[in-house]
Amino acid sequence: MKAVFLCNSPENVHRVYDQAALSRLHALCALDVHVYTAAELDKIPTDTEIVFSTWGMPTLAEQQITQHLPHLQCVFYAAGSVQAFARPFLACGVHVFSAWAANAVPVAEYTVAQILLANKGFFVQAREMKLQQPAPRSTAFAGNYDQSIGLIGCGMIGSLVAKMLKAYKLDVLVYDPYLCPEKAAALGVTPCPLEQLFERCAVISNHLPNNAQTRGMLTYAHFSRMRPYAAFLNTGRGAQVVEADLARALSERPDLTAVLDVTDPEPCPKGHPFYALPNCILTPHIAGSIGNEVWRMAAFMADELERYASAKPTRYEVTEQMLKTMA
């Protein structure tokens, strides 16, 4: 099978596809190592059957796909969301595979780490220590035993967080309209209405997909219900939060903490109230794959190609139906 790289950011391709992944791909297909950009579509060999990419994958029209890639069978995307480019390929009958499951691993690890720290009162007490105003919080924080944690969304990342939290004696509540009873039972989680999630949980973590239905979904009506000393984590998307409402709640309730790895836009513009709130912790979208973690995404796509080439069931193919609810 003839294969090429297609990406508007060649540096990302070189960063994500490490030598181990490249060696596997060379053994599975006839790989052209040049990274073609959208400006070089007419240079791509017309007999190309496989496209590999990552962050920077161009969005092509159906006409461009049929003209420049008439024999294309598959796109293997070593990154997460394919919402920006997948539909025209799917319309042309091309299989699209995503490493969203690989990217979910570091996001879940980041989330679990923040949950464990929040339950120990780390964020509140670190602020107080810096101000040289430490106060005893022995009754304010229950620690990581018999504590309630709320997950908003139970897709790939939310499910992985729930599985990782099984190692701790925690009660995990989930708000997800698409969560079936069988999956909830398998994960050991309890479905819960969104408002009750904010009222009952010491930590609430957002893992909603980014679509029209979820934008602006989390408002002051939710944040104002949070328990004393509760924390809100966001590794989903910033657009799901009405940021002025969150800022208001944090301003009114200095006992609360927000840990935001995503905002809308990213980063927050100069003068945004989040910068001035000591109980708002901002990180620059680092929950997803960084450093050596990006190699996992290429490895997942090499695995998928191996299964596809061997006519074995694949694991991470994206369908038009899936795009309606996934990130």
C-alpha atoms as a PDB file:
ATOM      1  CA  MET A   1       0.000   0.000   0.000  1.00  0.00           C
ATOM      2  CA  LYS A   2       1.285   3.433  -0.978  1.00  0.00           C
ATOM      3  CA  ALA A   3       1.254   5.841   1.991  1.00  0.00           C
ATOM      4  CA  VAL A   4       2.068   9.516   2.551  1.00  0.00           C
ATOM      5  CA  PHE A   5       2.060  12.099   5.312  1.00  0.00           C
ATOM      6  CA  LEU A   6      -0.412  14.962   4.851  1.00  0.00           C
ATOM      7  CA  CYS A   7      -0.161  17.779   7.371  1.00  0.00           C
ATOM      8  CA  ASN A   8       0.187  21.554   7.330  1.00  0.00           C
ATOM      9  CA  SER A   9       2.603  21.299  10.264  1.00  0.00           C
ATOM     10  CA  PRO A  10       5.504  19.043   9.211  1.00  0.00           C
ATOM     11  CA  GLU A  11       7.175  19.727  12.549  1.00  0.00           C
ATOM     12  CA  ASN A  12       4.257  18.022  14.296  1.00  0.00           C
ATOM     13  CA  VAL A  13       4.652  14.945  12.108  1.00  0.00           C
ATOM     14  CA  HIS A  14       8.342  14.709  12.974  1.00  0.00           C
ATOM     15  CA  ARG A  15       7.524  15.147  16.661  1.00  0.00           C
ATOM     16  CA  VAL A  16       4.667  12.643  16.867  1.00  0.00           C
ATOM     17  CA  TYR A  17       5.930   9.857  14.595  1.00  0.00           C
ATOM     18  CA  ASP A  18       9.044   8.672  16.410  1.00  0.00           C
ATOM     19  CA  GLN A  19      11.571   6.233  14.989  1.00  0.00           C
ATOM     20  CA  ALA A  20       9.807   3.233  16.475  1.00  0.00           C
ATOM     21  CA  ALA A  21       6.527   4.174  14.770  1.00  0.00           C
ATOM     22  CA  LEU A  22       8.261   4.942  11.470  1.00  0.00           C
ATOM     23  CA  SER A  23       9.981   1.557  11.493  1.00  0.00           C
ATOM     24  CA  ARG A  24       6.635  -0.155  11.968  1.00  0.00           C
ATOM     25  CA  LEU A  25       4.983   1.868   9.207  1.00  0.00           C
ATOM     26  CA  HIS A  26       7.797   1.126   6.753  1.00  0.00           C
ATOM     27  CA  ALA A  27       7.290  -2.576   7.433  1.00  0.00           C
ATOM     28  CA  LEU A  28       3.548  -2.315   6.790  1.00  0.00           C
ATOM     29  CA  CYS A  29       3.362  -0.045   3.737  1.00  0.00           C
ATOM     30  CA  ALA A  30       5.343   1.807   1.086  1.00  0.00           C
ATOM     31  CA  LEU A  31       5.767   5.047   3.016  1.00  0.00           C
ATOM     32  CA  ASP A  32       6.832   8.312   1.402  1.00  0.00           C
ATOM     33  CA  VAL A  33       8.538  10.210   4.224  1.00  0.00           C
ATOM     34  CA  HIS A  34       7.953  13.653   2.696  1.00  0.00           C
ATOM     35  CA  VAL A  35       5.269  15.604   4.559  1.00  0.00           C
ATOM     36  CA  TYR A  36       2.840  17.070   2.043  1.00  0.00           C
ATOM     37  CA  THR A  37       0.899  20.204   2.942  1.00  0.00           C
ATOM     38  CA  ALA A  38      -2.399  21.456   1.535  1.00  0.00           C
ATOM     39  CA  ALA A  39      -0.410  23.590  -0.907  1.00  0.00           C
ATOM     40  CA  GLU A  40       1.193  20.430  -2.342  1.00  0.00           C
ATOM     41  CA  LEU A  41      -1.892  18.358  -3.107  1.00  0.00           C
ATOM     42  CA  ASP A  42      -1.002  18.184  -6.785  1.00  0.00           C
ATOM     43  CA  LYS A  43       2.358  16.619  -5.862  1.00  0.00           C
ATOM     44  CA  ILE A  44       0.884  13.688  -3.930  1.00  0.00           C
ATOM     45  CA  PRO A  45       1.128  10.439  -5.945  1.00  0.00           C
ATOM     46  CA  THR A  46      -2.338   9.632  -7.265  1.00  0.00           C
ATOM     47  CA  ASP A  47      -1.966   5.961  -6.319  1.00  0.00           C
ATOM     48  CA  THR A  48      -1.793   6.857  -2.612  1.00  0.00           C
ATOM     49  CA  GLU A  49      -3.989   4.563  -0.531  1.00  0.00           C
ATOM     50  CA  ILE A  50      -3.034   5.614   3.003  1.00  0.00           C
ATOM     51  CA  VAL A  51      -2.659   9.058   4.608  1.00  0.00           C
ATOM     52  CA  PHE A  52      -0.996   9.587   7.969  1.00  0.00           C
ATOM     53  CA  SER A  53      -1.370  12.851   9.847  1.00  0.00           C
ATOM     54  CA  THR A  54      -1.547  14.561  13.235  1.00  0.00           C
ATOM     55  CA  TRP A  55      -2.249  18.081  14.551  1.00  0.00           C
ATOM     56  CA  GLY A  56      -2.334  20.297  11.473  1.00  0.00           C
ATOM     57  CA  MET A  57      -4.324  17.971   9.227  1.00  0.00           C
ATOM     58  CA  PRO A  58      -5.815  20.160   6.469  1.00  0.00           C
ATOM     59  CA  THR A  59      -9.541  20.327   5.879  1.00  0.00           C
ATOM     60  CA  LEU A  60     -10.180  19.266   2.284  1.00  0.00           C
ATOM     61  CA  ALA A  61     -13.315  19.450   0.174  1.00  0.00           C
ATOM     62  CA  GLU A  62     -14.735  16.279  -1.353  1.00  0.00           C
ATOM     63  CA  GLN A  63     -13.683  17.489  -4.802  1.00  0.00           C
ATOM     64  CA  GLN A  64     -10.083  17.875  -3.664  1.00  0.00           C
ATOM     65  CA  ILE A  65     -10.092  14.372  -2.213  1.00  0.00           C
ATOM     66  CA  THR A  66     -11.479  12.723  -5.333  1.00  0.00           C
ATOM     67  CA  GLN A  67      -9.175  14.737  -7.608  1.00  0.00           C
ATOM     68  CA  HIS A  68      -5.873  14.375  -5.742  1.00  0.00           C
ATOM     69  CA  LEU A  69      -6.435  11.171  -3.764  1.00  0.00           C
ATOM     70  CA  PRO A  70      -8.657   9.033  -6.028  1.00  0.00           C
ATOM     71  CA  HIS A  71      -7.474   5.709  -4.566  1.00  0.00           C
ATOM     72  CA  LEU A  72      -7.378   6.740  -0.919  1.00  0.00           C
ATOM     73  CA  GLN A  73      -8.657   4.070   1.483  1.00  0.00           C
ATOM     74  CA  CYS A  74      -7.734   5.296   4.966  1.00  0.00           C
ATOM     75  CA  VAL A  75      -6.684   8.303   7.008  1.00  0.00           C
ATOM     76  CA  PHE A  76      -4.772   7.515  10.207  1.00  0.00           C
ATOM     77  CA  TYR A  77      -4.799  10.571  12.475  1.00  0.00           C
ATOM     78  CA  ALA A  78      -2.273  10.436  15.313  1.00  0.00           C
ATOM     79  CA  ALA A  79      -4.100  12.974  17.482  1.00  0.00           C
ATOM     80  CA  GLY A  80      -7.531  13.404  19.040  1.00  0.00           C
ATOM     81  CA  SER A  81     -10.584  15.110  17.563  1.00  0.00           C
ATOM     82  CA  VAL A  82     -11.269  14.665  13.829  1.00  0.00           C
ATOM     83  CA  GLN A  83     -14.268  17.006  13.769  1.00  0.00           C
ATOM     84  CA  ALA A  84     -12.471  19.617  11.643  1.00  0.00           C
ATOM     85  CA  PHE A  85     -11.667  17.380   8.688  1.00  0.00           C
ATOM     86  CA  ALA A  86     -13.349  13.959   8.818  1.00  0.00           C
ATOM     87  CA  ARG A  87     -16.719  14.457   7.166  1.00  0.00           C
ATOM     88  CA  PRO A  88     -15.554  15.043   3.551  1.00  0.00           C
ATOM     89  CA  PHE A  89     -13.341  11.944   3.755  1.00  0.00           C
ATOM     90  CA  LEU A  90     -16.185   9.862   5.147  1.00  0.00           C
ATOM     91  CA  ALA A  91     -18.462  11.154   2.377  1.00  0.00           C
ATOM     92  CA  CYS A  92     -15.900   9.876  -0.135  1.00  0.00           C
ATOM     93  CA  GLY A  93     -15.942   6.420   1.423  1.00  0.00           C
ATOM     94  CA  VAL A  94     -12.559   6.806   3.141  1.00  0.00           C
ATOM     95  CA  HIS A  95     -12.009   5.112   6.515  1.00  0.00           C
ATOM     96  CA  VAL A  96     -10.916   7.561   9.219  1.00  0.00           C
ATOM     97  CA  PHE A  97      -9.038   6.390  12.309  1.00  0.00           C
ATOM     98  CA  SER A  98      -8.149   8.564  15.300  1.00  0.00           C
ATOM     99  CA  ALA A  99      -5.780   8.156  18.236  1.00  0.00           C
ATOM    100  CA  TRP A 100      -8.303   9.775  20.555  1.00  0.00           C
ATOM    101  CA  ALA A 101      -7.956   6.821  22.929  1.00  0.00           C
ATOM    102  CA  ALA A 102      -4.189   7.368  23.140  1.00  0.00           C
ATOM    103  CA  ASN A 103      -4.677  11.067  23.805  1.00  0.00           C
ATOM    104  CA  ALA A 104      -7.243  10.214  26.474  1.00  0.00           C
ATOM    105  CA  VAL A 105      -4.607   8.521  28.632  1.00  0.00           C
ATOM    106  CA  PRO A 106      -2.605  11.627  29.682  1.00  0.00           C
ATOM    107  CA  VAL A 107      -5.819  13.669  30.050  1.00  0.00           C
ATOM    108  CA  ALA A 108      -7.195  11.071  32.443  1.00  0.00           C
ATOM    109  CA  GLU A 109      -3.879  10.914  34.319  1.00  0.00           C
ATOM    110  CA  TYR A 110      -3.840  14.724  34.675  1.00  0.00           C
ATOM    111  CA  THR A 111      -7.454  14.697  35.868  1.00  0.00           C
ATOM    112  CA  VAL A 112      -6.939  11.980  38.468  1.00  0.00           C
ATOM    113  CA  ALA A 113      -3.866  13.805  39.772  1.00  0.00           C
ATOM    114  CA  GLN A 114      -5.862  17.024  40.234  1.00  0.00           C
ATOM    115  CA  ILE A 115      -8.747  15.171  41.888  1.00  0.00           C
ATOM    116  CA  LEU A 116      -6.434  13.546  44.431  1.00  0.00           C
ATOM    117  CA  LEU A 117      -4.740  16.866  45.207  1.00  0.00           C
ATOM    118  CA  ALA A 118      -8.057  18.704  45.523  1.00  0.00           C
ATOM    119  CA  ASN A 119      -9.405  16.106  47.948  1.00  0.00           C
ATOM    120  CA  LYS A 120      -6.367  16.731  50.167  1.00  0.00           C
ATOM    121  CA  GLY A 121      -7.056  20.474  50.180  1.00  0.00           C
ATOM    122  CA  PHE A 122      -3.831  21.093  48.285  1.00  0.00           C
ATOM    123  CA  PHE A 123      -4.995  24.104  46.283  1.00  0.00           C
ATOM    124  CA  VAL A 124      -6.677  26.008  49.121  1.00  0.00           C
ATOM    125  CA  GLN A 125      -3.964  25.347  51.668  1.00  0.00           C
ATOM    126  CA  ALA A 126      -1.126  26.127  49.248  1.00  0.00           C
ATOM    127  CA  ARG A 127      -2.710  29.551  48.709  1.00  0.00           C
ATOM    128  CA  GLU A 128      -2.985  30.129  52.436  1.00  0.00           C
ATOM    129  CA  MET A 129       0.591  29.063  53.081  1.00  0.00           C
ATOM    130  CA  LYS A 130       1.846  31.484  50.452  1.00  0.00           C
ATOM    131  CA  LEU A 131      -0.055  34.280  52.202  1.00  0.00           C
ATOM    132  CA  GLN A 132       1.425  33.080  55.505  1.00  0.00           C
ATOM    133  CA  GLN A 133      -2.116  32.595  56.760  1.00  0.00           C
ATOM    134  CA  PRO A 134      -2.394  28.838  57.202  1.00  0.00           C
ATOM    135  CA  ALA A 135      -5.540  27.666  58.899  1.00  0.00           C
ATOM    136  CA  PRO A 136      -6.468  24.164  60.050  1.00  0.00           C
ATOM    137  CA  ARG A 137      -8.707  22.425  57.524  1.00  0.00           C
ATOM    138  CA  SER A 138      -9.030  19.028  59.138  1.00  0.00           C
ATOM    139  CA  THR A 139     -12.826  19.087  58.795  1.00  0.00           C
ATOM    140  CA  ALA A 140     -12.994  20.893  55.448  1.00  0.00           C
ATOM    141  CA  PHE A 141     -11.352  18.180  53.343  1.00  0.00           C
ATOM    142  CA  ALA A 142     -12.280  14.509  53.520  1.00  0.00           C
ATOM    143  CA  GLY A 143      -9.185  13.286  51.699  1.00  0.00           C
ATOM    144  CA  ASN A 144      -9.242  10.375  49.282  1.00  0.00           C
ATOM    145  CA  TYR A 145     -11.512   8.042  51.199  1.00  0.00           C
ATOM    146  CA  ASP A 146     -15.304   7.856  50.979  1.00  0.00           C
ATOM    147  CA  GLN A 147     -15.488  11.125  49.022  1.00  0.00           C
ATOM    148  CA  SER A 148     -17.870  12.002  46.172  1.00  0.00           C
ATOM    149  CA  ILE A 149     -16.409  12.866  42.770  1.00  0.00           C
ATOM    150  CA  GLY A 150     -18.485  14.138  39.851  1.00  0.00           C
ATOM    151  CA  LEU A 151     -17.693  13.513  36.193  1.00  0.00           C
ATOM    152  CA  ILE A 152     -19.521  15.483  33.529  1.00  0.00           C
ATOM    153  CA  GLY A 153     -19.418  13.287  30.435  1.00  0.00           C
ATOM    154  CA  CYS A 154     -18.466   9.621  30.355  1.00  0.00           C
ATOM    155  CA  GLY A 155     -16.963   9.149  26.912  1.00  0.00           C
ATOM    156  CA  MET A 156     -13.458   7.866  26.314  1.00  0.00           C
ATOM    157  CA  ILE A 157     -11.762  10.213  28.818  1.00  0.00           C
ATOM    158  CA  GLY A 158     -14.484  10.228  31.465  1.00  0.00           C
ATOM    159  CA  SER A 159     -14.660   6.432  31.363  1.00  0.00           C
ATOM    160  CA  LEU A 160     -10.897   6.148  31.737  1.00  0.00           C
ATOM    161  CA  VAL A 161     -10.944   8.536  34.713  1.00  0.00           C
ATOM    162  CA  ALA A 162     -13.664   6.413  36.324  1.00  0.00           C
ATOM    163  CA  LYS A 163     -11.585   3.264  35.806  1.00  0.00           C
ATOM    164  CA  MET A 164      -8.472   4.876  37.290  1.00  0.00           C
ATOM    165  CA  LEU A 165     -10.420   6.104  40.324  1.00  0.00           C
ATOM    166  CA  LYS A 166     -11.372   2.516  41.150  1.00  0.00           C
ATOM    167  CA  ALA A 167      -8.010   2.266  42.898  1.00  0.00           C
ATOM    168  CA  TYR A 168      -9.365   4.655  45.557  1.00  0.00           C
ATOM    169  CA  LYS A 169     -12.311   4.462  47.934  1.00  0.00           C
ATOM    170  CA  LEU A 170     -14.305   7.148  46.131  1.00  0.00           C
ATOM    171  CA  ASP A 171     -17.957   7.466  45.138  1.00  0.00           C
ATOM    172  CA  VAL A 172     -18.025   8.484  41.462  1.00  0.00           C
ATOM    173  CA  LEU A 173     -21.159  10.209  40.174  1.00  0.00           C
ATOM    174  CA  VAL A 174     -21.649  10.838  36.460  1.00  0.00           C
ATOM    175  CA  TYR A 175     -23.811  13.158  34.425  1.00  0.00           C
ATOM    176  CA  ASP A 176     -24.093  11.859  30.861  1.00  0.00           C
ATOM    177  CA  PRO A 177     -27.437  11.552  29.009  1.00  0.00           C
ATOM    178  CA  TYR A 178     -25.906   8.858  26.774  1.00  0.00           C
ATOM    179  CA  LEU A 179     -24.617   6.652  29.607  1.00  0.00           C
ATOM    180  CA  CYS A 180     -26.496   3.345  29.556  1.00  0.00           C
ATOM    181  CA  PRO A 181     -27.144   1.399  32.785  1.00  0.00           C
ATOM    182  CA  GLU A 182     -24.927  -1.468  31.646  1.00  0.00           C
ATOM    183  CA  LYS A 183     -21.902   0.787  31.125  1.00  0.00           C
ATOM    184  CA  ALA A 184     -22.531   2.611  34.397  1.00  0.00           C
ATOM    185  CA  ALA A 185     -22.574  -0.696  36.235  1.00  0.00           C
ATOM    186  CA  ALA A 186     -19.395  -1.888  34.503  1.00  0.00           C
ATOM    187  CA  LEU A 187     -17.580   1.320  35.463  1.00  0.00           C
ATOM    188  CA  GLY A 188     -18.936   1.296  38.995  1.00  0.00           C
ATOM    189  CA  VAL A 189     -20.398   4.816  38.690  1.00  0.00           C
ATOM    190  CA  THR A 190     -23.769   6.289  39.637  1.00  0.00           C
ATOM    191  CA  PRO A 191     -25.747   8.406  37.123  1.00  0.00           C
ATOM    192  CA  CYS A 192     -26.690  11.766  38.585  1.00  0.00           C
ATOM    193  CA  PRO A 193     -28.513  14.925  37.405  1.00  0.00           C
ATOM    194  CA  LEU A 194     -26.147  17.795  36.647  1.00  0.00           C
ATOM    195  CA  GLU A 195     -27.405  20.133  39.377  1.00  0.00           C
ATOM    196  CA  GLN A 196     -27.084  17.423  42.028  1.00  0.00           C
ATOM    197  CA  LEU A 197     -23.580  16.627  40.816  1.00  0.00           C
ATOM    198  CA  PHE A 198     -22.469  20.164  41.677  1.00  0.00           C
ATOM    199  CA  GLU A 199     -24.275  20.050  45.024  1.00  0.00           C
ATOM    200  CA  ARG A 200     -22.959  16.671  46.173  1.00  0.00           C
ATOM    201  CA  CYS A 201     -19.389  16.383  44.898  1.00  0.00           C
ATOM    202  CA  ALA A 202     -16.128  17.627  46.366  1.00  0.00           C
ATOM    203  CA  VAL A 203     -14.596  17.721  42.890  1.00  0.00           C
ATOM    204  CA  ILE A 204     -16.429  18.143  39.579  1.00  0.00           C
ATOM    205  CA  SER A 205     -14.507  17.376  36.385  1.00  0.00           C
ATOM    206  CA  ASN A 206     -15.737  18.323  32.917  1.00  0.00           C
ATOM    207  CA  HIS A 207     -15.250  15.868  30.036  1.00  0.00           C
ATOM    208  CA  LEU A 208     -18.023  16.926  27.675  1.00  0.00           C
ATOM    209  CA  PRO A 209     -17.529  16.817  23.904  1.00  0.00           C
ATOM    210  CA  ASN A 210     -17.383  20.207  22.202  1.00  0.00           C
ATOM    211  CA  ASN A 211     -20.516  20.690  20.113  1.00  0.00           C
ATOM    212  CA  ALA A 212     -23.451  23.051  19.721  1.00  0.00           C
ATOM    213  CA  GLN A 213     -25.417  21.290  22.469  1.00  0.00           C
ATOM    214  CA  THR A 214     -22.710  21.657  25.118  1.00  0.00           C
ATOM    215  CA  ARG A 215     -21.504  25.214  24.492  1.00  0.00           C
ATOM    216  CA  GLY A 216     -22.347  27.525  27.384  1.00  0.00           C
ATOM    217  CA  MET A 217     -23.836  24.581  29.273  1.00  0.00           C
ATOM    218  CA  LEU A 218     -22.156  25.216  32.633  1.00  0.00           C
ATOM    219  CA  THR A 219     -23.426  28.416  34.260  1.00  0.00           C
ATOM    220  CA  TYR A 220     -23.640  30.289  37.533  1.00  0.00           C
ATOM    221  CA  ALA A 221     -26.657  28.155  38.436  1.00  0.00           C
ATOM    222  CA  HIS A 222     -24.246  25.221  38.636  1.00  0.00           C
ATOM    223  CA  PHE A 223     -21.155  26.857  40.123  1.00  0.00           C
ATOM    224  CA  SER A 224     -23.160  28.574  42.862  1.00  0.00           C
ATOM    225  CA  ARG A 225     -24.364  25.156  44.067  1.00  0.00           C
ATOM    226  CA  MET A 226     -20.861  23.830  44.801  1.00  0.00           C
ATOM    227  CA  ARG A 227     -20.024  22.470  48.240  1.00  0.00           C
ATOM    228  CA  PRO A 228     -17.750  24.442  50.556  1.00  0.00           C
ATOM    229  CA  TYR A 229     -14.133  24.086  49.444  1.00  0.00           C
ATOM    230  CA  ALA A 230     -15.160  22.187  46.295  1.00  0.00           C
ATOM    231  CA  ALA A 231     -13.093  22.243  43.095  1.00  0.00           C
ATOM    232  CA  PHE A 232     -14.072  22.409  39.419  1.00  0.00           C
ATOM    233  CA  LEU A 233     -11.714  20.929  36.825  1.00  0.00           C
ATOM    234  CA  ASN A 234     -11.962  21.553  33.094  1.00  0.00           C
ATOM    235  CA  THR A 235      -9.994  19.527  30.570  1.00  0.00           C
ATOM    236  CA  GLY A 236     -12.893  19.402  28.097  1.00  0.00           C
ATOM    237  CA  ARG A 237     -13.309  22.671  26.243  1.00  0.00           C
ATOM    238  CA  GLY A 238     -13.539  26.246  27.472  1.00  0.00           C
ATOM    239  CA  ALA A 239     -16.646  26.981  25.416  1.00  0.00           C
ATOM    240  CA  GLN A 240     -18.754  24.717  27.618  1.00  0.00           C
ATOM    241  CA  VAL A 241     -18.310  27.146  30.529  1.00  0.00           C
ATOM    242  CA  VAL A 242     -19.918  30.564  30.752  1.00  0.00           C
ATOM    243  CA  GLU A 243     -16.674  32.067  31.974  1.00  0.00           C
ATOM    244  CA  ALA A 244     -18.191  35.244  33.412  1.00  0.00           C
ATOM    245  CA  ASP A 245     -20.425  33.043  35.578  1.00  0.00           C
ATOM    246  CA  LEU A 246     -17.506  30.944  36.803  1.00  0.00           C
ATOM    247  CA  ALA A 247     -15.486  34.074  37.560  1.00  0.00           C
ATOM    248  CA  ARG A 248     -18.418  35.485  39.526  1.00  0.00           C
ATOM    249  CA  ALA A 249     -18.752  32.308  41.588  1.00  0.00           C
ATOM    250  CA  LEU A 250     -15.008  32.205  42.304  1.00  0.00           C
ATOM    251  CA  SER A 251     -15.056  35.861  43.329  1.00  0.00           C
ATOM    252  CA  GLU A 252     -18.005  35.370  45.667  1.00  0.00           C
ATOM    253  CA  ARG A 253     -16.660  32.088  47.069  1.00  0.00           C
ATOM    254  CA  PRO A 254     -12.907  32.243  47.754  1.00  0.00           C
ATOM    255  CA  ASP A 255     -13.167  28.754  49.280  1.00  0.00           C
ATOM    256  CA  LEU A 256     -13.810  27.305  45.790  1.00  0.00           C
ATOM    257  CA  THR A 257     -11.081  26.348  43.333  1.00  0.00           C
ATOM    258  CA  ALA A 258     -11.113  26.120  39.550  1.00  0.00           C
ATOM    259  CA  VAL A 259      -8.347  24.288  37.690  1.00  0.00           C
ATOM    260  CA  LEU A 260      -8.712  25.184  34.022  1.00  0.00           C
ATOM    261  CA  ASP A 261      -6.557  23.531  31.393  1.00  0.00           C
ATOM    262  CA  VAL A 262      -8.813  24.945  28.665  1.00  0.00           C
ATOM    263  CA  THR A 263     -10.480  28.329  28.211  1.00  0.00           C
ATOM    264  CA  ASP A 264     -12.320  30.140  25.438  1.00  0.00           C
ATOM    265  CA  PRO A 265     -10.259  31.477  23.746  1.00  0.00           C
ATOM    266  CA  GLU A 266      -6.903  29.931  24.593  1.00  0.00           C
ATOM    267  CA  PRO A 267      -5.117  31.593  26.244  1.00  0.00           C
ATOM    268  CA  CYS A 268      -7.432  34.010  28.026  1.00  0.00           C
ATOM    269  CA  PRO A 269      -7.169  37.548  26.646  1.00  0.00           C
ATOM    270  CA  LYS A 270      -5.267  40.182  28.587  1.00  0.00           C
ATOM    271  CA  GLY A 271      -7.310  41.529  31.471  1.00  0.00           C
ATOM    272  CA  HIS A 272      -9.508  38.443  31.805  1.00  0.00           C
ATOM    273  CA  PRO A 273     -10.848  38.134  35.383  1.00  0.00           C
ATOM    274  CA  PHE A 274      -9.400  34.604  35.709  1.00  0.00           C
ATOM    275  CA  TYR A 275      -5.900  36.104  35.937  1.00  0.00           C
ATOM    276  CA  ALA A 276      -6.790  38.149  39.012  1.00  0.00           C
ATOM    277  CA  LEU A 277      -8.566  35.372  40.919  1.00  0.00           C
ATOM    278  CA  PRO A 278      -6.195  33.554  43.300  1.00  0.00           C
ATOM    279  CA  ASN A 279      -8.540  30.545  43.379  1.00  0.00           C
ATOM    280  CA  CYS A 280      -8.396  30.096  39.606  1.00  0.00           C
ATOM    281  CA  ILE A 281      -5.476  27.962  38.398  1.00  0.00           C
ATOM    282  CA  LEU A 282      -4.702  28.101  34.683  1.00  0.00           C
ATOM    283  CA  THR A 283      -2.581  25.606  32.769  1.00  0.00           C
ATOM    284  CA  PRO A 284      -1.813  25.943  29.027  1.00  0.00           C
ATOM    285  CA  HIS A 285      -3.719  22.932  27.614  1.00  0.00           C
ATOM    286  CA  ILE A 286      -1.139  20.448  28.901  1.00  0.00           C
ATOM    287  CA  ALA A 287      -3.512  17.662  29.953  1.00  0.00           C
ATOM    288  CA  GLY A 288      -3.320  16.100  26.480  1.00  0.00           C
ATOM    289  CA  SER A 289      -0.277  14.408  25.008  1.00  0.00           C
ATOM    290  CA  ILE A 290       2.996  16.291  25.498  1.00  0.00           C
ATOM    291  CA  GLY A 291       6.660  15.292  25.339  1.00  0.00           C
ATOM    292  CA  ASN A 292       7.149  11.567  24.855  1.00  0.00           C
ATOM    293  CA  GLU A 293       3.415  11.013  25.353  1.00  0.00           C
ATOM    294  CA  VAL A 294       2.785  11.997  21.726  1.00  0.00           C
ATOM    295  CA  TRP A 295       4.566   8.837  20.578  1.00  0.00           C
ATOM    296  CA  ARG A 296       1.710   6.794  22.032  1.00  0.00           C
ATOM    297  CA  MET A 297      -0.627   8.303  19.427  1.00  0.00           C
ATOM    298  CA  ALA A 298       1.597   7.217  16.532  1.00  0.00           C
ATOM    299  CA  ALA A 299       1.883   3.749  18.070  1.00  0.00           C
ATOM    300  CA  PHE A 300      -1.915   3.474  18.240  1.00  0.00           C
ATOM    301  CA  MET A 301      -2.197   4.354  14.557  1.00  0.00           C
ATOM    302  CA  ALA A 302       0.493   1.832  13.637  1.00  0.00           C
ATOM    303  CA  ASP A 303      -1.549  -0.745  15.549  1.00  0.00           C
ATOM    304  CA  GLU A 304      -4.650   0.236  13.586  1.00  0.00           C
ATOM    305  CA  LEU A 305      -2.876  -0.044  10.244  1.00  0.00           C
ATOM    306  CA  GLU A 306      -1.586  -3.470  11.238  1.00  0.00           C
ATOM    307  CA  ARG A 307      -5.109  -4.634  12.037  1.00  0.00           C
ATOM    308  CA  TYR A 308      -6.547  -3.071   8.888  1.00  0.00           C
ATOM    309  CA  ALA A 309      -3.877  -4.616   6.657  1.00  0.00           C
ATOM    310  CA  SER A 310      -4.477  -8.020   8.262  1.00  0.00           C
ATOM    311  CA  ALA A 311      -8.274  -7.725   7.834  1.00  0.00           C
ATOM    312  CA  LYS A 312      -8.680  -7.843  11.623  1.00  0.00           C
ATOM    313  CA  PRO A 313     -11.279  -5.752  13.483  1.00  0.00           C
ATOM    314  CA  THR A 314     -10.001  -2.221  14.086  1.00  0.00           C
ATOM    315  CA  ARG A 315     -10.580  -0.347  17.331  1.00  0.00           C
ATOM    316  CA  TYR A 316     -10.566   3.360  16.636  1.00  0.00           C
ATOM    317  CA  GLU A 317     -12.412   3.983  13.398  1.00  0.00           C
ATOM    318  CA  VAL A 318     -14.604   7.089  13.403  1.00  0.00           C
ATOM    319  CA  THR A 319     -18.045   7.060  11.791  1.00  0.00           C
ATOM    320  CA  GLU A 320     -20.434   9.843  10.818  1.00  0.00           C
ATOM    321  CA  GLN A 321     -22.750   8.784  13.649  1.00  0.00           C
ATOM    322  CA  MET A 322     -19.933   9.001  16.198  1.00  0.00           C
ATOM    323  CA  LEU A 323     -19.159  12.581  15.167  1.00  0.00           C
ATOM    324  CA  LYS A 324     -22.533  13.662  16.555  1.00  0.00           C
ATOM    325  CA  THR A 325     -21.474  13.019  20.143  1.00  0.00           C
ATOM    326  CA  MET A 326     -17.684  12.683  20.333  1.00  0.00           C
ATOM    327  CA  ALA A 327     -15.206  15.468  20.973  1.00  0.00           C
END
